[in-house]
Protein backbone atom coordinates (compact mmCIF):
# COMPACT_ATOMS: atom_id res chain seq x y z
CA UNK A 1 -9.02 -18.05 -12.24
CA UNK A 2 -12.25 -16.04 -12.15
CA UNK A 3 -13.60 -15.21 -15.60
CA UNK A 4 -10.12 -15.32 -17.15
CA UNK A 5 -8.60 -13.17 -14.38
CA UNK A 6 -6.05 -14.53 -11.92
CA UNK A 7 -7.09 -14.03 -8.30
CA UNK A 8 -4.90 -13.73 -5.22
CA UNK A 9 -6.07 -13.51 -1.62
CA UNK A 10 -4.13 -11.67 1.09
CA UNK A 11 -4.88 -13.32 4.43
CA UNK A 12 -3.34 -11.39 7.37
CA UNK A 13 -3.33 -13.34 10.63
CA UNK A 14 -2.31 -12.44 14.17
CA UNK A 15 -3.16 -14.96 16.90
CA UNK A 16 -5.92 -16.52 14.78
CA UNK A 17 -5.37 -20.12 15.87
CA UNK A 18 -8.66 -21.98 15.50
CA UNK A 19 -9.89 -19.64 12.74
CA UNK A 20 -7.26 -19.19 10.02
CA UNK A 21 -7.20 -22.88 9.06
CA UNK A 22 -10.93 -22.93 8.36
CA UNK A 23 -10.64 -19.77 6.25
CA UNK A 24 -7.89 -21.34 4.11
CA UNK A 25 -9.80 -24.59 3.69
CA UNK A 26 -12.95 -22.68 2.72
CA UNK A 27 -11.32 -20.57 0.00
CA UNK A 28 -13.16 -20.70 -3.37
CA UNK A 29 -11.75 -22.96 -6.07
CA UNK A 30 -11.13 -20.07 -8.48
CA UNK A 31 -8.55 -18.47 -6.14
CA UNK A 32 -5.09 -19.02 -7.65
CA UNK A 33 -2.86 -17.89 -4.80
CA UNK A 34 -3.40 -17.40 -1.06
CA UNK A 35 -0.82 -15.21 0.65
CA UNK A 36 -1.21 -16.23 4.30
CA UNK A 37 0.77 -13.80 6.45
CA UNK A 38 1.55 -14.66 10.06
CA UNK A 39 2.25 -11.32 11.75
CA UNK A 40 4.52 -12.85 14.43
CA UNK A 41 1.67 -14.50 16.32
CA UNK A 42 2.27 -15.77 19.84
CA UNK A 43 0.03 -18.83 19.39
CA UNK A 44 0.11 -21.66 16.81
CA UNK A 45 -1.17 -19.58 13.89
CA UNK A 46 1.95 -20.32 11.78
CA UNK A 47 1.63 -24.08 12.25
CA UNK A 48 -2.08 -23.95 11.50
CA UNK A 49 -1.45 -22.02 8.27
CA UNK A 50 1.00 -24.63 7.03
CA UNK A 51 -1.20 -27.56 8.06
CA UNK A 52 -4.27 -26.05 6.38
CA UNK A 53 -2.18 -25.29 3.29
CA UNK A 54 -1.24 -28.96 2.97
CA UNK A 55 -4.89 -29.99 3.35
CA UNK A 56 -5.96 -27.41 0.76
CA UNK A 57 -3.27 -28.60 -1.65
CA UNK A 58 -4.38 -32.22 -1.31
CA UNK A 59 -8.02 -31.25 -1.79
CA UNK A 60 -7.56 -28.97 -4.80
CA UNK A 61 -4.67 -30.95 -6.32
CA UNK A 62 -2.65 -27.81 -6.94
CA UNK A 63 0.99 -28.61 -7.66
CA UNK A 64 3.59 -25.95 -6.99
CA UNK A 65 3.62 -23.17 -9.60
CA UNK A 66 0.56 -24.38 -11.49
CA UNK A 67 -1.34 -21.13 -11.93
CA UNK A 68 0.75 -17.97 -11.80
CA UNK A 69 4.12 -17.14 -13.26
CA UNK A 70 6.47 -15.79 -12.13
CA UNK A 71 6.05 -17.48 -8.74
CA UNK A 72 6.90 -15.38 -5.76
CA UNK A 73 7.24 -18.40 -3.43
CA UNK A 74 10.97 -18.93 -3.77
CA UNK A 75 12.00 -18.71 -0.12
CA UNK A 76 12.10 -14.91 -0.12
CA UNK A 77 12.44 -12.05 -2.59
CA UNK A 78 14.37 -8.79 -2.59
CA UNK A 79 11.22 -6.72 -2.02
CA UNK A 80 10.13 -8.74 0.99
CA UNK A 81 13.28 -10.19 2.53
CA UNK A 82 13.60 -7.34 5.06
CA UNK A 83 9.95 -7.73 6.10
CA UNK A 84 9.22 -11.43 6.20
CA UNK A 85 10.23 -15.01 5.58
CA UNK A 86 8.49 -16.28 2.44
CA UNK A 87 8.20 -20.06 2.53
CA UNK A 88 7.89 -22.29 -0.53
CA UNK A 89 4.32 -22.48 -1.80
CA UNK A 90 2.24 -25.39 -0.56
CA UNK A 91 -0.21 -25.88 -3.40
CA UNK A 92 -1.79 -22.49 -3.95
CA UNK A 93 -0.89 -21.22 -0.46
CA UNK A 94 2.18 -19.04 0.07
CA UNK A 95 3.00 -19.06 3.81
CA UNK A 96 4.68 -15.78 4.85
CA UNK A 97 5.92 -14.97 8.34
CA UNK A 98 6.93 -11.48 9.40
CA UNK A 99 10.27 -11.08 11.12
CA UNK A 100 8.58 -8.58 13.45
CA UNK A 101 4.96 -7.76 14.26
CA UNK A 102 3.92 -5.02 11.80
CA UNK A 103 0.20 -4.65 12.45
CA UNK A 104 -2.81 -5.32 10.24
CA UNK A 105 -1.81 -2.73 7.65
CA UNK A 106 1.73 -4.05 7.57
CA UNK A 107 0.48 -7.57 6.83
CA UNK A 108 -1.78 -6.28 4.06
CA UNK A 109 1.18 -4.39 2.60
CA UNK A 110 3.29 -7.55 2.58
CA UNK A 111 0.54 -9.43 0.77
CA UNK A 112 0.11 -6.64 -1.78
CA UNK A 113 3.85 -6.66 -2.50
CA UNK A 114 3.69 -10.42 -3.06
CA UNK A 115 0.70 -10.06 -5.38
CA UNK A 116 2.49 -7.35 -7.35
CA UNK A 117 5.49 -9.64 -7.71
CA UNK A 118 3.26 -12.37 -9.11
CA UNK A 119 1.34 -10.00 -11.37
CA UNK A 120 -2.04 -11.14 -10.04
CA UNK A 121 -4.95 -9.50 -11.90
CA UNK A 122 -7.18 -9.02 -8.83
CA UNK A 123 -6.12 -9.20 -5.18
CA UNK A 124 -8.69 -9.76 -2.44
CA UNK A 125 -8.13 -9.10 1.27
CA UNK A 126 -9.82 -11.47 3.73
CA UNK A 127 -9.58 -11.42 7.52
CA UNK A 128 -8.43 -14.65 9.15
CA UNK A 129 -11.07 -14.60 11.88
CA UNK A 130 -13.88 -16.10 9.80
CA UNK A 131 -16.10 -12.99 9.83
CA UNK A 132 -16.22 -12.74 6.04
CA UNK A 133 -18.51 -14.84 3.88
CA UNK A 134 -16.21 -16.35 1.23
CA UNK A 135 -19.20 -17.06 -1.00
CA UNK A 136 -19.52 -13.28 -1.43
CA UNK A 137 -16.02 -12.91 -2.93
CA UNK A 138 -17.27 -13.10 -6.50
CA UNK A 139 -19.45 -10.03 -5.87
CA UNK A 140 -16.30 -8.06 -5.07
CA UNK A 141 -14.54 -9.36 -8.17
CA UNK A 142 -17.37 -8.59 -10.59
CA UNK A 143 -16.88 -4.77 -10.71
CA UNK A 144 -13.18 -5.31 -11.47
CA UNK A 145 -13.77 -7.98 -14.11
CA UNK A 146 -16.46 -5.83 -15.76
CA UNK A 147 -14.07 -2.84 -15.68
CA UNK A 148 -16.55 -0.83 -13.64
CA UNK A 149 -14.14 -0.23 -10.74
CA UNK A 150 -10.48 -0.46 -9.80
CA UNK A 151 -11.22 -1.18 -6.13
CA UNK A 152 -14.26 -2.86 -4.59
CA UNK A 153 -15.02 -3.00 -0.89
CA UNK A 154 -17.69 -4.54 1.26
CA UNK A 155 -20.27 -2.28 2.87
CA UNK A 156 -22.28 -3.56 5.83
CA UNK A 157 -24.24 -0.30 6.16
CA UNK A 158 -26.16 -0.36 2.86
CA UNK A 159 -28.59 -2.99 4.13
CA UNK A 160 -30.89 -2.49 7.13
CA UNK A 161 -30.63 -6.20 7.91
CA UNK A 162 -26.83 -6.10 7.91
CA UNK A 163 -26.77 -2.91 10.00
CA UNK A 164 -28.99 -4.59 12.61
CA UNK A 165 -26.52 -7.49 12.86
CA UNK A 166 -23.64 -5.17 13.70
CA UNK A 167 -22.96 -4.63 17.43
CA UNK A 168 -24.08 -1.14 18.50
CA UNK A 169 -20.67 0.13 19.60
CA UNK A 170 -19.19 -0.93 16.26
CA UNK A 171 -21.98 0.78 14.35
CA UNK A 172 -21.49 4.13 16.11
CA UNK A 173 -17.72 4.04 15.70
CA UNK A 174 -18.09 2.98 12.07
CA UNK A 175 -20.48 5.85 11.33
CA UNK A 176 -18.07 8.41 12.80
CA UNK A 177 -15.09 7.03 10.88
CA UNK A 178 -17.21 6.86 7.70
CA UNK A 179 -17.87 10.59 7.92
CA UNK A 180 -14.24 11.46 8.66
CA UNK A 181 -13.04 9.23 5.82
CA UNK A 182 -15.48 10.84 3.36
CA UNK A 183 -13.82 14.19 4.07
CA UNK A 184 -10.27 12.85 4.03
CA UNK A 185 -10.58 10.58 0.97
CA UNK A 186 -13.03 12.50 -1.19
CA UNK A 187 -15.25 9.47 -1.84
CA UNK A 188 -18.41 11.01 -0.42
CA UNK A 189 -20.77 8.11 -1.23
CA UNK A 190 -18.49 5.47 0.24
CA UNK A 191 -19.38 4.08 3.67
CA UNK A 192 -18.07 1.44 6.07
CA UNK A 193 -14.39 2.27 5.38
CA UNK A 194 -13.26 -0.14 8.11
CA UNK A 195 -14.53 -3.11 6.12
CA UNK A 196 -11.49 -5.21 5.29
CA UNK A 197 -13.22 -7.34 2.66
CA UNK A 198 -11.85 -5.74 -0.52
CA UNK A 199 -10.62 -6.45 -4.03
CA UNK A 200 -8.10 -4.32 -5.93
CA UNK A 201 -6.89 -4.50 -9.51
CA UNK A 202 -3.26 -4.90 -10.49
CA UNK A 203 -3.41 -1.50 -12.20
CA UNK A 204 -4.55 0.21 -8.99
CA UNK A 205 -1.86 -1.52 -6.93
CA UNK A 206 0.79 -0.37 -9.38
CA UNK A 207 -0.54 3.21 -9.32
CA UNK A 208 -0.30 3.71 -5.56
CA UNK A 209 2.92 3.55 -3.55
CA UNK A 210 2.34 0.27 -1.72
CA UNK A 211 5.51 0.66 0.35
CA UNK A 212 4.09 3.88 1.84
CA UNK A 213 0.77 2.41 2.97
CA UNK A 214 -0.21 2.94 6.59
CA UNK A 215 0.66 -0.08 8.74
CA UNK A 216 -1.86 0.32 11.56
CA UNK A 217 -5.57 -0.55 11.50
CA UNK A 218 -6.41 2.58 9.48
CA UNK A 219 -4.71 1.14 6.39
CA UNK A 220 -8.05 0.83 4.57
CA UNK A 221 -8.83 4.54 5.16
CA UNK A 222 -5.33 5.49 4.04
CA UNK A 223 -5.68 3.40 0.88
CA UNK A 224 -8.90 5.20 -0.11
CA UNK A 225 -7.11 8.56 0.05
CA UNK A 226 -4.31 7.33 -2.23
CA UNK A 227 -6.79 5.79 -4.67
CA UNK A 228 -8.67 9.08 -4.93
CA UNK A 229 -5.54 11.08 -5.70
CA UNK A 230 -4.80 8.70 -8.58
CA UNK A 231 -8.36 8.87 -9.91
CA UNK A 232 -9.26 5.24 -9.21
CA UNK A 233 -12.88 4.07 -9.35
CA UNK A 234 -14.34 2.60 -6.16
CA UNK A 235 -17.36 0.30 -5.79
CA UNK A 236 -19.25 -0.14 -2.52
CA UNK A 237 -20.70 -3.67 -2.45
CA UNK A 238 -23.47 -4.63 -0.01
CA UNK A 239 -21.94 -7.28 2.19
CA UNK A 240 -22.96 -9.14 5.36
CA UNK A 241 -20.66 -9.76 8.29
CA UNK A 242 -20.53 -12.83 10.49
CA UNK A 243 -19.89 -12.16 14.18
CA UNK A 244 -18.84 -15.22 16.12
CA UNK A 245 -16.57 -16.00 19.07
CA UNK A 246 -13.55 -14.10 17.78
CA UNK A 247 -12.15 -11.25 19.86
CA UNK A 248 -11.05 -7.96 18.32
CA UNK A 249 -7.45 -6.94 19.01
CA UNK A 250 -8.27 -3.26 18.44
CA UNK A 251 -7.76 -1.00 21.47
CA UNK A 252 -10.29 1.74 20.73
CA UNK A 253 -8.81 4.25 23.20
CA UNK A 254 -5.65 4.19 21.09
CA UNK A 255 -7.24 3.42 17.74
CA UNK A 256 -9.65 6.35 17.33
CA UNK A 257 -7.20 9.22 18.12
CA UNK A 258 -4.44 7.65 16.05
CA UNK A 259 -6.58 7.03 12.97
CA UNK A 260 -8.24 10.46 13.26
CA UNK A 261 -4.83 12.16 13.21
CA UNK A 262 -3.82 10.06 10.21
CA UNK A 263 -7.00 11.08 8.38
CA UNK A 264 -6.31 14.77 9.05
CA UNK A 265 -2.78 14.44 7.69
CA UNK A 266 -4.07 12.49 4.67
CA UNK A 267 -6.75 15.09 3.99
CA UNK A 268 -4.16 17.88 3.84
CA UNK A 269 -1.91 15.70 1.67
CA UNK A 270 -4.80 14.97 -0.72
CA UNK A 271 -5.61 18.66 -1.11
CA UNK A 272 -1.99 19.44 -1.91
CA UNK A 273 -1.39 16.46 -4.21
CA UNK A 274 -4.68 16.44 -6.13
CA UNK A 275 -5.67 20.10 -6.25
CA UNK A 276 -2.38 21.98 -6.10
CA UNK A 277 0.42 19.73 -7.43
CA UNK A 278 -1.18 17.39 -10.00
CA UNK A 279 -3.72 20.04 -11.02
CA UNK A 280 -5.12 23.29 -9.68
CA UNK A 281 -8.62 23.60 -8.32
CA UNK A 282 -9.94 26.52 -6.21
CA UNK A 283 -11.63 24.17 -3.73
CA UNK A 284 -8.26 23.73 -2.01
CA UNK A 285 -8.27 27.46 -1.25
CA UNK A 286 -11.90 27.31 -0.13
CA UNK A 287 -10.99 24.56 2.32
CA UNK A 288 -7.95 26.39 3.67
CA UNK A 289 -9.54 29.86 3.88
CA UNK A 290 -12.75 28.41 5.28
CA UNK A 291 -10.93 26.48 7.98
CA UNK A 292 -8.84 29.51 8.91
CA UNK A 293 -11.83 31.84 9.02
CA UNK A 294 -13.88 29.41 11.07
CA UNK A 295 -10.99 28.96 13.50
CA UNK A 296 -10.59 32.72 13.99
CA UNK A 297 -14.34 33.11 14.41
CA UNK A 298 -14.50 30.29 16.94
CA UNK A 299 -11.61 31.87 18.83
CA UNK A 300 -13.44 35.21 18.83
CA UNK A 301 -16.63 33.67 20.19
CA UNK A 302 -14.65 31.82 22.84
CA UNK A 303 -12.78 34.93 23.92
CA UNK A 304 -16.02 36.88 24.14
CA UNK A 305 -17.52 34.28 26.43
CA UNK A 306 -14.35 34.35 28.51
CA UNK A 307 -14.54 38.15 28.67
CA UNK A 308 -18.04 37.99 30.03
CA UNK A 309 -16.76 35.78 32.81
CA UNK A 310 -13.63 37.70 33.80
CA UNK A 311 -14.75 41.23 32.74
CA UNK A 312 -11.61 41.90 30.70
CA UNK A 313 -11.87 44.03 27.49
CA UNK A 314 -11.24 42.10 24.27
CA UNK A 315 -11.12 44.03 20.93
CA UNK A 316 -12.82 41.27 18.93
CA UNK A 317 -16.55 41.39 19.60
CA UNK A 318 -18.73 38.34 19.92
CA UNK A 319 -20.82 39.34 16.89
CA UNK A 320 -17.71 39.64 14.72
CA UNK A 321 -16.44 36.28 15.88
CA UNK A 322 -19.81 34.67 15.20
CA UNK A 323 -19.92 36.24 11.74
CA UNK A 324 -16.46 34.89 10.91
CA UNK A 325 -17.42 31.46 12.23
CA UNK A 326 -20.53 31.34 10.01
CA UNK A 327 -18.54 32.57 6.99
CA UNK A 328 -15.85 29.98 7.58
CA UNK A 329 -18.36 27.13 7.86
CA UNK A 330 -20.07 28.33 4.68
CA UNK A 331 -16.76 28.27 2.79
CA UNK A 332 -16.06 24.75 4.07
CA UNK A 333 -19.47 23.51 2.93
CA UNK A 334 -18.92 25.15 -0.45
CA UNK A 335 -15.57 23.34 -0.76
CA UNK A 336 -17.22 20.03 0.14
CA UNK A 337 -19.80 20.48 -2.63
CA UNK A 338 -16.97 21.03 -5.12
CA UNK A 339 -15.14 18.00 -3.73
CA UNK A 340 -18.21 15.78 -4.10
CA UNK A 341 -18.63 16.80 -7.72
CA UNK A 342 -14.97 16.09 -8.52
CA UNK A 343 -15.15 12.44 -7.38
CA UNK A 344 -18.78 11.58 -8.09
CA UNK A 345 -17.92 9.78 -11.35
CA UNK A 346 -15.43 7.58 -9.48
CA UNK A 347 -18.02 6.01 -7.15
CA UNK A 348 -20.63 3.32 -7.60
CA UNK A 349 -22.76 1.17 -5.29
CA UNK A 350 -23.63 -2.50 -5.85
CA UNK A 351 -26.65 -3.84 -3.96
């Protein structure tokens, strides 16, 4: 336990042989349960999880069922039996193996369902590739324990030193996705949304629909949107990253378009759910009218340029199109200012 709060760690692993065992063995003593999910790896990840679990159990002297009741490790539960095989706990480690490969988000979802079943107070997500400093875990837990946040996430962009350590192509991609996620999720001060080092409270997990979480790599962006709709407080915690010999399984040519489309859909869903269904706020109309006006204006400008090239008369003049474009952009910026104000009290940064 950490300061009287039970702690679970969700450890998704796909082809992490040579890394996942070290992560399990290095887990802090105060962690009560480690949900190690093998996402149908093609290497010996599953065997390494079980071997490391036995070593961890011998080292920490954790008998089965010592810390958390009710124990989820009973060979499978109704909520998870269609997703994965849940093995008996080995010490504090619960080995879970997916029946089918479900992706990073799918593995996180499985771990969250297991943590909900156990009633864990705070659930941390840790990658199995060794990039995350386990000594920093307590810094993620502190905002939850102090009741300052419902969800805490690492942020590698708050520190100049940490930003310099990040490979350039990752930094550029991260910056773009940070901006898109700000718009989609409504947490305008939050950065580094791709950081998978997070901690979430039991109350926040119960508030969101875990079963509906996105199962691809954009799960962390999707989660932020759902947290915002439910009014959950988010803390950005300065956090280093460790880049070693691991290889990313992300295919960026497929990743960026897919996640961008998901963010657009989530943005529209957030406007409807938060500002039209759960409550009414005019910023939803500002967003919609602004986007429509800007689109018509952009179309007008484009048609005018095309007219100049093909010498065909178009009734919408270039000046009118430009005026509509400017008006639309102004409405969008106005909506963003409203949006920032609505969620400002839900955000905090921890250096």
